[in-house]
Amino acid sequence: MSLNEADLQMTQQAFDNEHSRGNPGDELLYVRFYLYPHHNRAKSTEEGRPIYEDKEYIEIMQPGNKDSIINRLATPKDLKRFSNQYSGFKNNGEEVLEGTPLKEWPSITRAQVEELKYFNVHTVEQLAGMTDANAQNFMGISQMKRRAETFLASTKDSAAAEKLAAELAMRDSTIAVQAQQIEELTDRLIKLEEG
């Protein structure tokens, strides 16, 4: 086992241990698939020159933690686990983020968006879910995290209110249609009795 493979294995084990203790779920991770030239030793030996092939790699980071990075060949397990990000990569080469992009959230400045982006925090959900250990790397992050949590809670509340309003509008529409039908049937009945 080479030194790089040992480092990768240790990083993977540390990440898995940290992840299994209830830290942010997969939806809060920064995951990126990309192509990287991989040295094909067998073909290189056969051809007598270095031969490289593009292979699919994966990068996984906890938002706000530059020290816990997994960067390796993608496995079938990765493709299944992070299927949304992988399909985005395959379809258009872009990373797929789930949640509200920080750049679309008016509660922080553009400079803060860029600083958080450096630490692979790209969504309000990732910011709100950042661990306290990772958050200590930022000045003033506690206040931003609280605003993100408040924003997410309020959007849940407003989503419930919007759903209720839509249901009430549908009910009112149904009642109006039924009232119209009753009126038409009443008019017909009156005409039949007079006739």
N, C-alpha and C. Protein backbone atom coordinates (compact mmCIF):
# COMPACT_ATOMS: atom_id res chain seq x y z
N MET A 1 0.85 -1.17 0.00
CA MET A 1 0.00 0.00 0.00
C MET A 1 0.90 1.24 0.00
N SER A 2 0.64 2.14 -0.93
CA SER A 2 1.45 3.35 -1.01
C SER A 2 1.04 4.34 0.08
N LEU A 3 1.88 5.35 0.27
CA LEU A 3 1.60 6.37 1.27
C LEU A 3 0.30 7.10 0.95
N ASN A 4 0.07 7.44 -0.34
CA ASN A 4 -1.16 8.12 -0.73
C ASN A 4 -2.38 7.26 -0.44
N GLU A 5 -2.29 5.95 -0.74
CA GLU A 5 -3.41 5.06 -0.46
C GLU A 5 -3.67 4.96 1.03
N ALA A 6 -2.59 4.93 1.85
CA ALA A 6 -2.75 4.88 3.30
C ALA A 6 -3.42 6.16 3.80
N ASP A 7 -2.97 7.33 3.28
CA ASP A 7 -3.60 8.60 3.66
C ASP A 7 -5.06 8.60 3.28
N LEU A 8 -5.37 8.12 2.08
CA LEU A 8 -6.75 8.07 1.61
C LEU A 8 -7.58 7.17 2.52
N GLN A 9 -7.03 6.01 2.87
CA GLN A 9 -7.75 5.08 3.72
C GLN A 9 -8.00 5.70 5.10
N MET A 10 -6.99 6.36 5.65
CA MET A 10 -7.15 7.00 6.96
C MET A 10 -8.18 8.13 6.90
N THR A 11 -8.14 8.92 5.83
CA THR A 11 -9.10 10.00 5.67
C THR A 11 -10.50 9.43 5.55
N GLN A 12 -10.65 8.37 4.77
CA GLN A 12 -11.96 7.74 4.60
C GLN A 12 -12.47 7.21 5.94
N GLN A 13 -11.61 6.54 6.71
CA GLN A 13 -12.04 6.00 8.00
C GLN A 13 -12.42 7.13 8.96
N ALA A 14 -11.63 8.18 8.99
CA ALA A 14 -11.94 9.31 9.88
C ALA A 14 -13.25 9.95 9.47
N PHE A 15 -13.44 10.12 8.17
CA PHE A 15 -14.68 10.71 7.68
C PHE A 15 -15.87 9.82 8.04
N ASP A 16 -15.74 8.50 7.80
CA ASP A 16 -16.82 7.57 8.12
C ASP A 16 -17.14 7.58 9.60
N ASN A 17 -16.11 7.61 10.46
CA ASN A 17 -16.33 7.64 11.91
C ASN A 17 -17.05 8.91 12.31
N GLU A 18 -16.59 10.05 11.79
CA GLU A 18 -17.20 11.33 12.12
C GLU A 18 -18.63 11.38 11.60
N HIS A 19 -18.84 10.86 10.39
CA HIS A 19 -20.15 10.88 9.76
C HIS A 19 -21.14 9.99 10.51
N SER A 20 -20.65 8.86 11.07
CA SER A 20 -21.55 7.91 11.74
C SER A 20 -21.98 8.40 13.12
N ARG A 21 -21.35 9.46 13.66
CA ARG A 21 -21.71 9.96 14.97
C ARG A 21 -22.83 10.99 14.91
N GLY A 22 -23.54 11.07 13.82
CA GLY A 22 -24.69 11.95 13.74
C GLY A 22 -24.39 13.34 13.21
N ASN A 23 -23.23 13.55 12.59
CA ASN A 23 -22.96 14.83 11.96
C ASN A 23 -23.84 14.99 10.74
N PRO A 24 -23.75 16.12 10.03
CA PRO A 24 -24.66 16.37 8.92
C PRO A 24 -24.80 15.19 7.97
N GLY A 25 -26.01 15.00 7.47
CA GLY A 25 -26.28 13.91 6.55
C GLY A 25 -25.74 14.20 5.17
N ASP A 26 -25.94 13.26 4.28
CA ASP A 26 -25.43 13.38 2.92
C ASP A 26 -25.90 14.66 2.23
N GLU A 27 -27.12 15.10 2.55
CA GLU A 27 -27.65 16.29 1.88
C GLU A 27 -26.88 17.55 2.25
N LEU A 28 -26.10 17.50 3.31
CA LEU A 28 -25.32 18.67 3.74
C LEU A 28 -23.88 18.61 3.27
N LEU A 29 -23.48 17.51 2.66
CA LEU A 29 -22.11 17.36 2.20
C LEU A 29 -21.90 18.07 0.88
N TYR A 30 -20.69 18.51 0.65
CA TYR A 30 -20.31 19.03 -0.67
C TYR A 30 -19.74 17.84 -1.43
N VAL A 31 -20.40 17.47 -2.51
CA VAL A 31 -19.99 16.31 -3.30
C VAL A 31 -19.82 16.75 -4.75
N ARG A 32 -18.67 16.36 -5.32
CA ARG A 32 -18.40 16.74 -6.71
C ARG A 32 -17.77 15.56 -7.42
N PHE A 33 -18.33 15.22 -8.57
CA PHE A 33 -17.74 14.21 -9.45
C PHE A 33 -16.97 14.95 -10.54
N TYR A 34 -15.85 14.38 -10.97
CA TYR A 34 -15.06 15.01 -12.02
C TYR A 34 -14.21 13.94 -12.70
N LEU A 35 -13.72 14.29 -13.88
CA LEU A 35 -12.81 13.39 -14.60
C LEU A 35 -11.38 13.77 -14.26
N TYR A 36 -10.54 12.74 -14.11
CA TYR A 36 -9.15 12.97 -13.78
C TYR A 36 -8.31 11.94 -14.53
N PRO A 37 -7.18 12.36 -15.10
CA PRO A 37 -6.35 11.41 -15.83
C PRO A 37 -5.72 10.39 -14.88
N HIS A 38 -5.99 9.13 -15.14
CA HIS A 38 -5.52 8.04 -14.29
C HIS A 38 -4.45 7.26 -15.06
N HIS A 39 -3.31 7.05 -14.45
CA HIS A 39 -2.21 6.36 -15.11
C HIS A 39 -2.54 4.88 -15.28
N ASN A 40 -2.53 4.41 -16.53
CA ASN A 40 -2.78 3.00 -16.83
C ASN A 40 -1.43 2.31 -16.97
N ARG A 41 -1.00 1.63 -15.91
CA ARG A 41 0.32 1.03 -15.87
C ARG A 41 0.48 -0.08 -16.92
N ALA A 42 -0.55 -0.90 -17.06
CA ALA A 42 -0.45 -2.02 -18.01
C ALA A 42 -0.26 -1.50 -19.44
N LYS A 43 -1.09 -0.55 -19.86
CA LYS A 43 -0.97 0.00 -21.21
C LYS A 43 0.34 0.78 -21.37
N SER A 44 0.77 1.45 -20.32
CA SER A 44 2.03 2.20 -20.38
C SER A 44 3.19 1.26 -20.62
N THR A 45 3.21 0.14 -19.91
CA THR A 45 4.26 -0.86 -20.08
C THR A 45 4.22 -1.43 -21.49
N GLU A 46 3.03 -1.72 -21.95
CA GLU A 46 2.85 -2.30 -23.28
C GLU A 46 3.29 -1.34 -24.38
N GLU A 47 2.95 -0.05 -24.24
CA GLU A 47 3.26 0.94 -25.26
C GLU A 47 4.67 1.54 -25.10
N GLY A 48 5.23 1.39 -23.91
CA GLY A 48 6.55 1.96 -23.67
C GLY A 48 6.53 3.46 -23.45
N ARG A 49 5.39 3.99 -23.12
CA ARG A 49 5.25 5.42 -22.82
C ARG A 49 4.09 5.59 -21.84
N PRO A 50 4.02 6.72 -21.15
CA PRO A 50 2.92 6.91 -20.20
C PRO A 50 1.57 7.02 -20.91
N ILE A 51 0.64 6.20 -20.49
CA ILE A 51 -0.72 6.23 -21.02
C ILE A 51 -1.67 6.56 -19.87
N TYR A 52 -2.51 7.55 -20.11
CA TYR A 52 -3.49 7.97 -19.10
C TYR A 52 -4.89 7.84 -19.67
N GLU A 53 -5.83 7.53 -18.80
CA GLU A 53 -7.25 7.46 -19.17
C GLU A 53 -8.04 8.34 -18.21
N ASP A 54 -9.04 9.02 -18.72
CA ASP A 54 -9.91 9.79 -17.84
C ASP A 54 -10.78 8.84 -17.04
N LYS A 55 -10.74 8.97 -15.75
CA LYS A 55 -11.56 8.16 -14.84
C LYS A 55 -12.42 9.10 -14.00
N GLU A 56 -13.56 8.59 -13.56
CA GLU A 56 -14.46 9.38 -12.73
C GLU A 56 -13.98 9.36 -11.28
N TYR A 57 -13.76 10.54 -10.75
CA TYR A 57 -13.35 10.71 -9.36
C TYR A 57 -14.46 11.39 -8.59
N ILE A 58 -14.36 11.31 -7.27
CA ILE A 58 -15.32 11.98 -6.40
C ILE A 58 -14.56 12.77 -5.35
N GLU A 59 -15.10 13.93 -5.00
CA GLU A 59 -14.58 14.74 -3.91
C GLU A 59 -15.74 14.94 -2.94
N ILE A 60 -15.50 14.62 -1.67
CA ILE A 60 -16.52 14.75 -0.63
C ILE A 60 -15.93 15.58 0.49
N MET A 61 -16.67 16.62 0.90
CA MET A 61 -16.23 17.48 2.00
C MET A 61 -17.39 17.81 2.90
N GLN A 62 -17.07 17.95 4.17
CA GLN A 62 -18.02 18.53 5.11
C GLN A 62 -17.94 20.03 4.92
N PRO A 63 -19.06 20.72 4.76
CA PRO A 63 -19.00 22.17 4.61
C PRO A 63 -18.29 22.81 5.80
N GLY A 64 -17.34 23.66 5.50
CA GLY A 64 -16.61 24.38 6.53
C GLY A 64 -15.38 23.67 7.05
N ASN A 65 -15.12 22.45 6.59
CA ASN A 65 -13.98 21.69 7.10
C ASN A 65 -13.06 21.35 5.94
N LYS A 66 -11.98 22.09 5.80
CA LYS A 66 -11.02 21.85 4.73
C LYS A 66 -10.09 20.68 5.04
N ASP A 67 -10.12 20.18 6.28
CA ASP A 67 -9.22 19.11 6.68
C ASP A 67 -9.79 17.71 6.46
N SER A 68 -11.06 17.61 6.20
CA SER A 68 -11.70 16.30 6.03
C SER A 68 -12.19 16.17 4.59
N ILE A 69 -11.26 15.94 3.68
CA ILE A 69 -11.58 15.87 2.26
C ILE A 69 -11.31 14.45 1.77
N ILE A 70 -12.29 13.89 1.10
CA ILE A 70 -12.10 12.60 0.44
C ILE A 70 -12.01 12.90 -1.05
N ASN A 71 -10.96 12.45 -1.67
CA ASN A 71 -10.71 12.68 -3.08
C ASN A 71 -10.16 11.38 -3.65
N ARG A 72 -10.97 10.64 -4.43
CA ARG A 72 -10.55 9.32 -4.90
C ARG A 72 -11.38 8.89 -6.10
N LEU A 73 -10.99 7.73 -6.65
CA LEU A 73 -11.79 7.15 -7.73
C LEU A 73 -13.20 6.90 -7.22
N ALA A 74 -14.18 7.21 -8.03
CA ALA A 74 -15.58 6.98 -7.65
C ALA A 74 -15.89 5.49 -7.74
N THR A 75 -16.63 5.00 -6.77
CA THR A 75 -17.04 3.60 -6.74
C THR A 75 -18.52 3.49 -7.11
N PRO A 76 -18.98 2.30 -7.47
CA PRO A 76 -20.42 2.13 -7.72
C PRO A 76 -21.28 2.54 -6.52
N LYS A 77 -20.75 2.33 -5.32
CA LYS A 77 -21.47 2.74 -4.10
C LYS A 77 -21.65 4.26 -4.08
N ASP A 78 -20.61 5.00 -4.49
CA ASP A 78 -20.68 6.46 -4.55
C ASP A 78 -21.74 6.91 -5.55
N LEU A 79 -21.77 6.25 -6.71
CA LEU A 79 -22.72 6.63 -7.76
C LEU A 79 -24.15 6.46 -7.29
N LYS A 80 -24.37 5.44 -6.49
CA LYS A 80 -25.71 5.19 -5.95
C LYS A 80 -26.02 6.15 -4.81
N ARG A 81 -25.07 6.32 -3.89
CA ARG A 81 -25.28 7.15 -2.71
C ARG A 81 -25.52 8.62 -3.08
N PHE A 82 -24.77 9.10 -4.08
CA PHE A 82 -24.88 10.49 -4.50
C PHE A 82 -25.41 10.56 -5.94
N SER A 83 -26.52 9.89 -6.17
CA SER A 83 -27.05 9.75 -7.53
C SER A 83 -27.44 11.09 -8.16
N ASN A 84 -27.97 12.03 -7.36
CA ASN A 84 -28.34 13.34 -7.92
C ASN A 84 -27.12 14.10 -8.43
N GLN A 85 -26.07 14.13 -7.63
CA GLN A 85 -24.85 14.82 -8.04
C GLN A 85 -24.22 14.12 -9.24
N TYR A 86 -24.27 12.80 -9.25
CA TYR A 86 -23.67 12.06 -10.35
C TYR A 86 -24.44 12.29 -11.65
N SER A 87 -25.77 12.28 -11.57
CA SER A 87 -26.54 12.51 -12.80
C SER A 87 -26.32 13.93 -13.31
N GLY A 88 -26.17 14.90 -12.41
CA GLY A 88 -25.84 16.27 -12.85
C GLY A 88 -24.49 16.32 -13.54
N PHE A 89 -23.53 15.60 -13.00
CA PHE A 89 -22.20 15.52 -13.61
C PHE A 89 -22.28 14.88 -14.99
N LYS A 90 -23.02 13.78 -15.12
CA LYS A 90 -23.11 13.07 -16.39
C LYS A 90 -23.90 13.88 -17.43
N ASN A 91 -24.92 14.59 -16.98
CA ASN A 91 -25.77 15.32 -17.93
C ASN A 91 -25.12 16.59 -18.45
N ASN A 92 -24.51 17.35 -17.58
CA ASN A 92 -23.96 18.62 -18.06
C ASN A 92 -22.66 19.01 -17.39
N GLY A 93 -22.08 18.11 -16.64
CA GLY A 93 -20.80 18.39 -16.01
C GLY A 93 -20.86 19.36 -14.86
N GLU A 94 -22.08 19.74 -14.44
CA GLU A 94 -22.21 20.68 -13.34
C GLU A 94 -22.54 19.95 -12.06
N GLU A 95 -22.08 20.52 -10.96
CA GLU A 95 -22.43 19.94 -9.68
C GLU A 95 -23.89 20.26 -9.37
N VAL A 96 -24.53 19.35 -8.66
CA VAL A 96 -25.93 19.52 -8.31
C VAL A 96 -26.01 19.83 -6.82
N LEU A 97 -26.54 20.98 -6.51
CA LEU A 97 -26.72 21.36 -5.12
C LEU A 97 -28.19 21.25 -4.78
N GLU A 98 -28.46 20.73 -3.60
CA GLU A 98 -29.83 20.66 -3.13
C GLU A 98 -30.00 21.69 -2.04
N GLY A 99 -30.97 22.57 -2.22
CA GLY A 99 -31.21 23.59 -1.22
C GLY A 99 -31.20 24.97 -1.82
N THR A 100 -31.21 25.96 -0.96
CA THR A 100 -31.22 27.36 -1.37
C THR A 100 -29.79 27.85 -1.52
N PRO A 101 -29.36 28.21 -2.73
CA PRO A 101 -27.98 28.70 -2.91
C PRO A 101 -27.74 29.96 -2.07
N LEU A 102 -26.58 30.02 -1.46
CA LEU A 102 -26.24 31.20 -0.65
C LEU A 102 -26.28 32.48 -1.47
N LYS A 103 -25.88 32.39 -2.75
CA LYS A 103 -25.84 33.61 -3.57
C LYS A 103 -27.25 34.15 -3.84
N GLU A 104 -28.29 33.33 -3.61
CA GLU A 104 -29.67 33.78 -3.81
C GLU A 104 -30.32 34.20 -2.49
N TRP A 105 -29.59 34.09 -1.40
CA TRP A 105 -30.12 34.40 -0.07
C TRP A 105 -29.71 35.81 0.30
N PRO A 106 -30.65 36.73 0.48
CA PRO A 106 -30.30 38.13 0.72
C PRO A 106 -29.76 38.44 2.11
N SER A 107 -29.69 37.47 2.99
CA SER A 107 -29.29 37.74 4.38
C SER A 107 -27.78 37.79 4.61
N ILE A 108 -26.98 37.53 3.57
CA ILE A 108 -25.53 37.64 3.74
C ILE A 108 -24.95 38.40 2.55
N THR A 109 -23.75 38.91 2.77
CA THR A 109 -23.11 39.71 1.73
C THR A 109 -22.45 38.81 0.70
N ARG A 110 -22.12 39.38 -0.43
CA ARG A 110 -21.43 38.65 -1.50
C ARG A 110 -20.06 38.16 -1.01
N ALA A 111 -19.39 38.98 -0.20
CA ALA A 111 -18.09 38.59 0.34
C ALA A 111 -18.24 37.36 1.24
N GLN A 112 -19.30 37.32 2.05
CA GLN A 112 -19.54 36.16 2.90
C GLN A 112 -19.84 34.92 2.07
N VAL A 113 -20.59 35.11 0.97
CA VAL A 113 -20.88 33.99 0.07
C VAL A 113 -19.57 33.41 -0.47
N GLU A 114 -18.67 34.29 -0.90
CA GLU A 114 -17.39 33.84 -1.46
C GLU A 114 -16.52 33.16 -0.41
N GLU A 115 -16.53 33.71 0.81
CA GLU A 115 -15.73 33.10 1.88
C GLU A 115 -16.27 31.70 2.21
N LEU A 116 -17.58 31.59 2.31
CA LEU A 116 -18.18 30.28 2.60
C LEU A 116 -17.97 29.31 1.45
N LYS A 117 -18.00 29.83 0.23
CA LYS A 117 -17.76 28.99 -0.95
C LYS A 117 -16.36 28.38 -0.89
N TYR A 118 -15.40 29.13 -0.42
CA TYR A 118 -14.03 28.64 -0.29
C TYR A 118 -13.99 27.39 0.60
N PHE A 119 -14.86 27.37 1.60
CA PHE A 119 -14.93 26.24 2.51
C PHE A 119 -16.03 25.25 2.09
N ASN A 120 -16.48 25.36 0.85
CA ASN A 120 -17.47 24.46 0.26
C ASN A 120 -18.80 24.46 0.99
N VAL A 121 -19.22 25.62 1.41
CA VAL A 121 -20.57 25.83 1.94
C VAL A 121 -21.29 26.60 0.86
N HIS A 122 -22.24 25.95 0.19
CA HIS A 122 -22.88 26.56 -0.97
C HIS A 122 -24.37 26.84 -0.78
N THR A 123 -25.00 26.23 0.23
CA THR A 123 -26.43 26.41 0.42
C THR A 123 -26.74 26.86 1.84
N VAL A 124 -27.92 27.44 2.00
CA VAL A 124 -28.38 27.85 3.33
C VAL A 124 -28.49 26.62 4.23
N GLU A 125 -28.93 25.51 3.66
CA GLU A 125 -29.08 24.27 4.45
C GLU A 125 -27.72 23.78 4.96
N GLN A 126 -26.69 23.88 4.13
CA GLN A 126 -25.35 23.48 4.56
C GLN A 126 -24.85 24.41 5.67
N LEU A 127 -25.12 25.69 5.53
CA LEU A 127 -24.71 26.65 6.56
C LEU A 127 -25.41 26.35 7.88
N ALA A 128 -26.71 26.14 7.83
CA ALA A 128 -27.46 25.86 9.06
C ALA A 128 -27.03 24.55 9.71
N GLY A 129 -26.63 23.58 8.90
CA GLY A 129 -26.25 22.27 9.41
C GLY A 129 -24.78 22.12 9.73
N MET A 130 -24.00 23.19 9.56
CA MET A 130 -22.56 23.10 9.82
C MET A 130 -22.31 22.77 11.29
N THR A 131 -21.40 21.85 11.53
CA THR A 131 -21.09 21.46 12.91
C THR A 131 -20.40 22.61 13.62
N ASP A 132 -20.53 22.62 14.95
CA ASP A 132 -19.88 23.66 15.74
C ASP A 132 -18.37 23.60 15.60
N ALA A 133 -17.84 22.38 15.47
CA ALA A 133 -16.39 22.23 15.32
C ALA A 133 -15.92 22.89 14.03
N ASN A 134 -16.68 22.74 12.95
CA ASN A 134 -16.30 23.37 11.68
C ASN A 134 -16.59 24.87 11.69
N ALA A 135 -17.63 25.26 12.41
CA ALA A 135 -18.03 26.67 12.44
C ALA A 135 -17.01 27.55 13.14
N GLN A 136 -16.21 26.98 14.03
CA GLN A 136 -15.26 27.81 14.77
C GLN A 136 -14.16 28.39 13.88
N ASN A 137 -14.09 27.95 12.61
CA ASN A 137 -13.09 28.49 11.68
C ASN A 137 -13.48 29.86 11.13
N PHE A 138 -14.69 30.31 11.41
CA PHE A 138 -15.21 31.55 10.82
C PHE A 138 -15.53 32.58 11.89
N MET A 139 -15.22 33.82 11.58
CA MET A 139 -15.58 34.92 12.47
C MET A 139 -17.05 35.26 12.20
N GLY A 140 -17.86 35.32 13.23
CA GLY A 140 -19.26 35.72 13.09
C GLY A 140 -20.17 34.66 12.50
N ILE A 141 -19.71 33.42 12.44
CA ILE A 141 -20.51 32.36 11.81
C ILE A 141 -21.74 32.01 12.64
N SER A 142 -21.66 32.15 13.96
CA SER A 142 -22.80 31.78 14.81
C SER A 142 -24.04 32.57 14.44
N GLN A 143 -23.87 33.84 14.21
CA GLN A 143 -25.01 34.69 13.83
C GLN A 143 -25.55 34.29 12.46
N MET A 144 -24.64 34.00 11.51
CA MET A 144 -25.09 33.56 10.17
C MET A 144 -25.84 32.23 10.26
N LYS A 145 -25.32 31.32 11.09
CA LYS A 145 -25.98 30.02 11.26
C LYS A 145 -27.38 30.21 11.83
N ARG A 146 -27.52 31.07 12.84
CA ARG A 146 -28.84 31.32 13.44
C ARG A 146 -29.80 31.91 12.41
N ARG A 147 -29.31 32.85 11.59
CA ARG A 147 -30.16 33.43 10.54
C ARG A 147 -30.58 32.36 9.53
N ALA A 148 -29.66 31.46 9.20
CA ALA A 148 -29.98 30.38 8.27
C ALA A 148 -31.03 29.45 8.87
N GLU A 149 -30.86 29.09 10.14
CA GLU A 149 -31.84 28.23 10.81
C GLU A 149 -33.20 28.89 10.87
N THR A 150 -33.22 30.19 11.20
CA THR A 150 -34.48 30.94 11.25
C THR A 150 -35.13 31.00 9.88
N PHE A 151 -34.32 31.26 8.85
CA PHE A 151 -34.84 31.30 7.48
C PHE A 151 -35.48 29.97 7.10
N LEU A 152 -34.79 28.87 7.39
CA LEU A 152 -35.32 27.55 7.04
C LEU A 152 -36.61 27.24 7.81
N ALA A 153 -36.65 27.61 9.09
CA ALA A 153 -37.86 27.38 9.89
C ALA A 153 -39.02 28.21 9.34
N SER A 154 -38.73 29.46 8.98
CA SER A 154 -39.81 30.33 8.47
C SER A 154 -40.30 29.86 7.11
N THR A 155 -39.40 29.33 6.28
CA THR A 155 -39.86 28.84 4.98
C THR A 155 -40.72 27.60 5.14
N LYS A 156 -40.41 26.78 6.15
CA LYS A 156 -41.27 25.62 6.42
C LYS A 156 -42.65 26.11 6.84
N ASP A 157 -42.68 27.12 7.73
CA ASP A 157 -43.96 27.66 8.18
C ASP A 157 -44.73 28.28 7.03
N SER A 158 -44.03 29.05 6.18
CA SER A 158 -44.73 29.70 5.07
C SER A 158 -45.17 28.67 4.03
N ALA A 159 -44.41 27.60 3.87
CA ALA A 159 -44.82 26.54 2.94
C ALA A 159 -46.10 25.88 3.44
N ALA A 160 -46.20 25.67 4.75
CA ALA A 160 -47.42 25.09 5.31
C ALA A 160 -48.59 26.04 5.13
N ALA A 161 -48.35 27.34 5.34
CA ALA A 161 -49.41 28.34 5.17
C ALA A 161 -49.85 28.42 3.71
N GLU A 162 -48.88 28.37 2.78
CA GLU A 162 -49.22 28.39 1.36
C GLU A 162 -50.02 27.16 0.95
N LYS A 163 -49.66 26.01 1.50
CA LYS A 163 -50.40 24.79 1.20
C LYS A 163 -51.83 24.90 1.71
N LEU A 164 -51.99 25.40 2.95
CA LEU A 164 -53.32 25.58 3.51
C LEU A 164 -54.13 26.57 2.69
N ALA A 165 -53.51 27.67 2.27
CA ALA A 165 -54.21 28.67 1.45
C ALA A 165 -54.65 28.07 0.13
N ALA A 166 -53.81 27.24 -0.48
CA ALA A 166 -54.17 26.59 -1.75
C ALA A 166 -55.34 25.62 -1.54
N GLU A 167 -55.29 24.88 -0.43
CA GLU A 167 -56.40 23.95 -0.14
C GLU A 167 -57.70 24.71 0.10
N LEU A 168 -57.62 25.84 0.82
CA LEU A 168 -58.82 26.65 1.06
C LEU A 168 -59.36 27.25 -0.24
N ALA A 169 -58.47 27.70 -1.11
CA ALA A 169 -58.89 28.25 -2.39
C ALA A 169 -59.58 27.18 -3.23
N MET A 170 -59.04 25.96 -3.20
CA MET A 170 -59.64 24.85 -3.93
C MET A 170 -61.03 24.54 -3.36
N ARG A 171 -61.14 24.55 -2.04
CA ARG A 171 -62.43 24.29 -1.39
C ARG A 171 -63.44 25.37 -1.77
N ASP A 172 -63.02 26.64 -1.72
CA ASP A 172 -63.91 27.74 -2.08
C ASP A 172 -64.36 27.63 -3.52
N SER A 173 -63.46 27.23 -4.39
CA SER A 173 -63.80 27.06 -5.80
C SER A 173 -64.82 25.94 -5.97
N THR A 174 -64.63 24.84 -5.27
CA THR A 174 -65.56 23.71 -5.34
C THR A 174 -66.93 24.13 -4.82
N ILE A 175 -66.95 24.87 -3.72
CA ILE A 175 -68.23 25.34 -3.15
C ILE A 175 -68.93 26.26 -4.14
N ALA A 176 -68.18 27.14 -4.79
CA ALA A 176 -68.78 28.07 -5.76
C ALA A 176 -69.38 27.30 -6.94
N VAL A 177 -68.68 26.29 -7.43
CA VAL A 177 -69.19 25.47 -8.54
C VAL A 177 -70.45 24.73 -8.09
N GLN A 178 -70.43 24.18 -6.89
CA GLN A 178 -71.59 23.45 -6.38
C GLN A 178 -72.78 24.40 -6.20
N ALA A 179 -72.54 25.61 -5.71
CA ALA A 179 -73.61 26.59 -5.55
C ALA A 179 -74.22 26.93 -6.90
N GLN A 180 -73.38 27.10 -7.92
CA GLN A 180 -73.87 27.38 -9.27
C GLN A 180 -74.72 26.23 -9.80
N GLN A 181 -74.27 25.00 -9.57
CA GLN A 181 -75.02 23.82 -10.01
C GLN A 181 -76.36 23.71 -9.28
N ILE A 182 -76.38 24.01 -7.99
CA ILE A 182 -77.63 23.96 -7.22
C ILE A 182 -78.60 25.00 -7.76
N GLU A 183 -78.08 26.18 -8.06
CA GLU A 183 -78.94 27.25 -8.60
C GLU A 183 -79.53 26.83 -9.94
N GLU A 184 -78.71 26.24 -10.82
CA GLU A 184 -79.20 25.79 -12.12
C GLU A 184 -80.24 24.68 -11.98
N LEU A 185 -80.00 23.75 -11.08
CA LEU A 185 -80.96 22.66 -10.85
C LEU A 185 -82.26 23.18 -10.25
N THR A 186 -82.14 24.17 -9.37
CA THR A 186 -83.35 24.77 -8.78
C THR A 186 -84.17 25.45 -9.88
N ASP A 187 -83.51 26.20 -10.78
CA ASP A 187 -84.22 26.86 -11.89
C ASP A 187 -84.92 25.83 -12.77
N ARG A 188 -84.25 24.71 -13.07
CA ARG A 188 -84.85 23.66 -13.89
C ARG A 188 -86.07 23.05 -13.21
N LEU A 189 -85.93 22.82 -11.92
CA LEU A 189 -87.03 22.21 -11.16
C LEU A 189 -88.25 23.13 -11.15
N ILE A 190 -88.02 24.44 -10.99
CA ILE A 190 -89.11 25.41 -10.99
C ILE A 190 -89.78 25.42 -12.35
N LYS A 191 -89.01 25.37 -13.43
CA LYS A 191 -89.59 25.37 -14.78
C LYS A 191 -90.38 24.10 -15.04
N LEU A 192 -89.90 22.98 -14.52
CA LEU A 192 -90.62 21.72 -14.68
C LEU A 192 -91.93 21.73 -13.94
N GLU A 193 -91.97 22.30 -12.74
CA GLU A 193 -93.20 22.36 -11.94
C GLU A 193 -94.21 23.31 -12.56
N GLU A 194 -93.74 24.38 -13.19
CA GLU A 194 -94.63 25.36 -13.83
C GLU A 194 -95.19 24.82 -15.15
N GLY A 195 -94.41 23.97 -15.80
CA GLY A 195 -94.70 23.53 -17.14
C GLY A 195 -95.82 22.66 -17.29
